[in-house]
Amino acid sequence: MSLMPNESSIYVDVAQCNSNDNVRSFQKTDAAREGRKDQIFNKATGARLVAGCVVLNSDHSKVLLISSSKHKDRWILPKGGIESDEIDSFSMTAARETWEEAGAVGKIIGKLPVVEDLRYRKDARKMPTPPENDKIPRSEFHFYEMEIEQLCDKWPEIDKRMRKWCTYEEAKHEVLKAKRYELAEVLGESRIHKNYTPVVFDEHSNVMLDAEPEKDTY
């Protein structure tokens, strides 16, 4: 289904949203939500609103990455579109998407600065109300830091995605390799430990050579 807004798309004033953030409780589900008809867009910029989590282990030395559902060799952070019934709590979307995509449940410990996906829409003039500025971000990301409490063996998108724990350098390498520069910015703003041990990469394949694979949980 297209991410392009249509005549029935919901545009919101972001400054008036998120009134009960971090208040609502999260319930695990057996299946992921499908469809994008209820997703919301920033009225000021036209960007689709997305929320997700930087999932950290207990000592903040590693972050949980998931494989892209479209490109299995690319690794990203769990995230997804904010829907109209979550307009008052973006952290609800972040927790829900993290459960659906990564099978992770935890405590939200902070909100990170908002970043935009600056791969601008090439189809801006096809929108129902074409903007004056053609440079419309694809997405506006609201990321939260989560301390892991439970990493489940079964989760809604287990058949679509893999997951792995990464150090800061490993994670940054993966998201940059996937050309997701905004996710690298999110990682840099997070409290993950950055006094990392240098990681060796294979000079021919650019694949990480993990020095201690037995300590990672994939």
Protein backbone atom coordinates (compact mmCIF):
# COMPACT_ATOMS: atom_id res chain seq x y z
CA MET A 1 0.00 0.00 0.00
CA SER A 2 1.28 3.45 -0.96
CA LEU A 3 2.58 5.91 1.63
CA MET A 4 1.27 8.77 -0.50
CA PRO A 5 -1.45 10.81 1.23
CA ASN A 6 -4.88 10.87 -0.43
CA GLU A 7 -8.12 12.81 -0.08
CA SER A 8 -9.00 11.01 3.17
CA SER A 9 -5.57 11.33 4.79
CA ILE A 10 -5.46 12.83 8.29
CA TYR A 11 -3.35 15.96 8.75
CA VAL A 12 -2.57 17.12 12.28
CA ASP A 13 -0.92 19.98 14.13
CA VAL A 14 1.91 18.08 15.82
CA ALA A 15 2.22 20.70 18.56
CA GLN A 16 -1.31 19.84 19.71
CA CYS A 17 -0.74 16.06 19.71
CA ASN A 18 0.94 13.78 22.22
CA SER A 19 -0.95 15.18 25.21
CA ASN A 20 -0.85 11.91 27.19
CA ASP A 21 2.56 10.66 26.09
CA ASN A 22 4.02 7.95 28.35
CA VAL A 23 0.69 7.63 30.18
CA ARG A 24 -1.13 4.90 28.29
CA SER A 25 -0.19 1.27 28.91
CA PHE A 26 0.88 -1.08 26.13
CA GLN A 27 -0.76 -4.43 25.40
CA LYS A 28 1.00 -7.16 23.41
CA THR A 29 -0.91 -8.49 20.41
CA ASP A 30 -0.62 -11.69 18.39
CA ALA A 31 -0.70 -9.93 15.01
CA ALA A 32 0.69 -6.70 13.61
CA ARG A 33 -1.63 -3.93 12.48
CA GLU A 34 -2.08 -3.78 8.72
CA GLY A 35 -3.03 -1.01 6.35
CA ARG A 36 -2.19 2.66 6.39
CA LYS A 37 -5.56 4.36 5.98
CA ASP A 38 -5.50 5.64 9.60
CA GLN A 39 -1.95 6.99 9.59
CA ILE A 40 -1.39 10.69 10.17
CA PHE A 41 0.65 13.43 8.50
CA ASN A 42 2.18 16.69 9.70
CA LYS A 43 -0.06 19.51 8.47
CA ALA A 44 2.86 21.95 8.35
CA THR A 45 5.34 19.84 6.36
CA GLY A 46 3.32 17.03 4.77
CA ALA A 47 5.60 14.40 6.36
CA ARG A 48 4.19 11.07 7.52
CA LEU A 49 4.48 10.76 11.31
CA VAL A 50 6.43 7.73 12.51
CA ALA A 51 7.45 6.52 15.99
CA GLY A 52 9.94 3.91 17.11
CA CYS A 53 12.38 2.81 19.79
CA VAL A 54 16.09 2.64 20.39
CA VAL A 55 16.01 -0.57 22.44
CA LEU A 56 18.96 -0.76 24.83
CA ASN A 57 20.20 -3.63 26.98
CA SER A 58 20.48 -3.22 30.74
CA ASP A 59 23.90 -1.54 30.77
CA HIS A 60 23.27 0.50 27.60
CA SER A 61 26.21 -1.11 25.82
CA LYS A 62 24.13 -2.51 22.95
CA VAL A 63 21.10 -1.65 20.83
CA LEU A 64 18.63 -4.01 19.17
CA LEU A 65 18.45 -3.84 15.37
CA ILE A 66 15.97 -5.60 13.10
CA SER A 67 16.23 -6.58 9.46
CA SER A 68 14.23 -4.65 6.90
CA SER A 69 11.16 -6.54 5.70
CA LYS A 70 11.97 -5.55 2.08
CA HIS A 71 15.77 -5.90 2.17
CA LYS A 72 16.94 -8.75 4.41
CA ASP A 73 20.56 -7.60 4.27
CA ARG A 74 19.73 -4.17 5.70
CA TRP A 75 19.38 -3.46 9.40
CA ILE A 76 17.28 -0.70 10.94
CA LEU A 77 15.53 0.38 14.15
CA PRO A 78 11.96 -0.78 14.92
CA LYS A 79 9.45 1.91 13.92
CA GLY A 80 6.13 2.48 12.19
CA GLY A 81 3.41 4.93 11.32
CA ILE A 82 1.47 6.71 14.06
CA GLU A 83 -2.25 6.03 13.65
CA SER A 84 -5.22 8.26 14.42
CA ASP A 85 -6.16 6.43 17.65
CA GLU A 86 -2.62 6.99 18.98
CA ILE A 87 -2.54 10.72 18.32
CA ASP A 88 -2.33 11.55 22.04
CA SER A 89 0.55 9.17 22.78
CA PHE A 90 3.33 8.72 20.24
CA SER A 91 5.13 6.46 22.71
CA MET A 92 2.21 4.05 22.36
CA THR A 93 3.02 3.70 18.67
CA ALA A 94 6.72 3.32 19.47
CA ALA A 95 6.05 0.51 21.98
CA ARG A 96 3.52 -1.19 19.69
CA GLU A 97 5.78 -1.16 16.65
CA THR A 98 8.74 -2.36 18.71
CA TRP A 99 6.69 -5.31 19.91
CA GLU A 100 5.30 -6.13 16.45
CA GLU A 101 8.62 -5.86 14.60
CA ALA A 102 11.18 -6.92 17.22
CA GLY A 103 9.33 -8.84 19.92
CA ALA A 104 10.80 -6.49 22.52
CA VAL A 105 9.00 -5.10 25.56
CA GLY A 106 10.51 -2.63 27.98
CA LYS A 107 10.43 0.64 29.86
CA ILE A 108 10.44 3.95 27.99
CA ILE A 109 13.19 6.04 29.61
CA GLY A 110 13.34 9.08 27.35
CA LYS A 111 12.33 10.79 24.12
CA LEU A 112 14.95 11.67 21.52
CA PRO A 113 15.02 14.79 19.30
CA VAL A 114 12.75 14.62 16.26
CA VAL A 115 14.49 13.82 12.97
CA GLU A 116 13.24 13.78 9.38
CA ASP A 117 13.80 11.37 6.52
CA LEU A 118 15.20 13.83 3.98
CA ARG A 119 14.79 11.52 1.02
CA TYR A 120 12.28 14.05 -0.28
CA ARG A 121 9.14 12.91 -2.05
CA LYS A 122 9.47 12.98 -5.83
CA ASP A 123 5.69 12.87 -6.18
CA ALA A 124 4.85 15.96 -4.10
CA ARG A 125 2.84 17.56 -6.91
CA LYS A 126 0.53 14.54 -7.01
CA MET A 127 -0.65 15.14 -3.45
CA PRO A 128 -4.30 16.18 -2.94
CA THR A 129 -3.16 19.69 -1.95
CA PRO A 130 0.23 20.32 -3.59
CA PRO A 131 2.53 22.25 -1.23
CA GLU A 132 4.34 25.46 -2.12
CA ASN A 133 7.62 23.75 -1.27
CA ASP A 134 8.32 20.58 -3.25
CA LYS A 135 10.75 19.34 -0.62
CA ILE A 136 8.50 17.22 1.57
CA PRO A 137 10.23 14.79 3.95
CA ARG A 138 9.02 11.22 3.57
CA SER A 139 8.71 10.85 7.32
CA GLU A 140 9.06 12.69 10.61
CA PHE A 141 10.49 10.37 13.26
CA HIS A 142 9.64 10.44 16.96
CA PHE A 143 12.03 7.99 18.63
CA TYR A 144 12.10 6.89 22.27
CA GLU A 145 14.75 5.11 24.30
CA MET A 146 13.60 1.81 25.77
CA GLU A 147 15.36 -0.36 28.34
CA ILE A 148 14.67 -3.99 27.50
CA GLU A 149 12.65 -6.00 30.00
CA GLN A 150 11.60 -8.94 27.82
CA LEU A 151 12.78 -10.24 24.46
CA CYS A 152 10.19 -12.80 23.39
CA ASP A 153 10.82 -15.92 21.30
CA LYS A 154 7.62 -15.36 19.32
CA TRP A 155 6.28 -12.06 18.05
CA PRO A 156 3.95 -10.84 15.27
CA GLU A 157 6.59 -10.33 12.55
CA ILE A 158 8.86 -13.25 13.43
CA ASP A 159 8.48 -14.61 9.89
CA LYS A 160 9.43 -11.28 8.31
CA ARG A 161 12.38 -10.07 10.36
CA MET A 162 15.59 -11.08 12.09
CA ARG A 163 17.07 -9.20 15.03
CA LYS A 164 20.48 -8.78 16.64
CA TRP A 165 22.21 -6.84 19.41
CA CYS A 166 24.88 -4.40 18.23
CA THR A 167 27.41 -2.07 19.80
CA TYR A 168 27.17 1.58 18.81
CA GLU A 169 29.81 1.24 16.10
CA GLU A 170 28.22 -1.93 14.71
CA ALA A 171 24.76 -0.34 14.65
CA LYS A 172 25.99 2.88 13.08
CA HIS A 173 27.79 0.90 10.40
CA GLU A 174 24.63 -1.06 9.59
CA VAL A 175 22.25 1.90 9.31
CA LEU A 176 24.74 3.88 7.22
CA LYS A 177 25.22 0.86 4.96
CA ALA A 178 21.43 0.87 4.53
CA LYS A 179 21.65 4.62 3.71
CA ARG A 180 19.42 5.50 6.64
CA TYR A 181 21.30 8.58 7.76
CA GLU A 182 18.48 9.80 9.97
CA LEU A 183 18.72 6.57 12.00
CA ALA A 184 22.44 7.15 12.48
CA GLU A 185 21.52 10.59 13.85
CA VAL A 186 19.05 8.98 16.26
CA LEU A 187 21.68 6.54 17.51
CA GLY A 188 24.11 9.38 18.04
CA GLU A 189 21.59 11.22 20.21
CA SER A 190 20.83 8.14 22.33
CA ARG A 191 22.54 7.19 25.59
CA ILE A 192 24.13 4.02 24.20
CA HIS A 193 27.76 3.79 25.31
CA LYS A 194 30.03 5.25 22.67
CA ASN A 195 33.34 4.30 24.26
CA TYR A 196 33.23 1.15 22.17
CA THR A 197 35.91 -1.36 21.19
CA PRO A 198 36.84 -0.91 17.53
CA VAL A 199 35.20 -3.44 15.24
CA VAL A 200 37.02 -5.06 12.33
CA PHE A 201 35.39 -5.18 8.89
CA ASP A 202 36.27 -7.52 6.07
CA GLU A 203 38.03 -5.36 3.48
CA HIS A 204 36.50 -7.22 0.54
CA SER A 205 32.85 -7.70 1.59
CA ASN A 206 32.48 -4.87 4.14
CA VAL A 207 30.93 -7.42 6.52
CA MET A 208 31.56 -7.00 10.24
CA LEU A 209 33.94 -9.49 11.81
CA ASP A 210 32.59 -9.81 15.32
CA ALA A 211 35.38 -10.57 17.77
CA GLU A 212 33.03 -12.02 20.40
CA PRO A 213 29.99 -13.54 18.61
CA GLU A 214 29.19 -15.80 21.56
CA LYS A 215 28.20 -12.75 23.61
CA ASP A 216 25.61 -11.55 21.11
CA THR A 217 21.96 -12.66 21.15
CA TYR A 218 20.47 -12.85 17.67
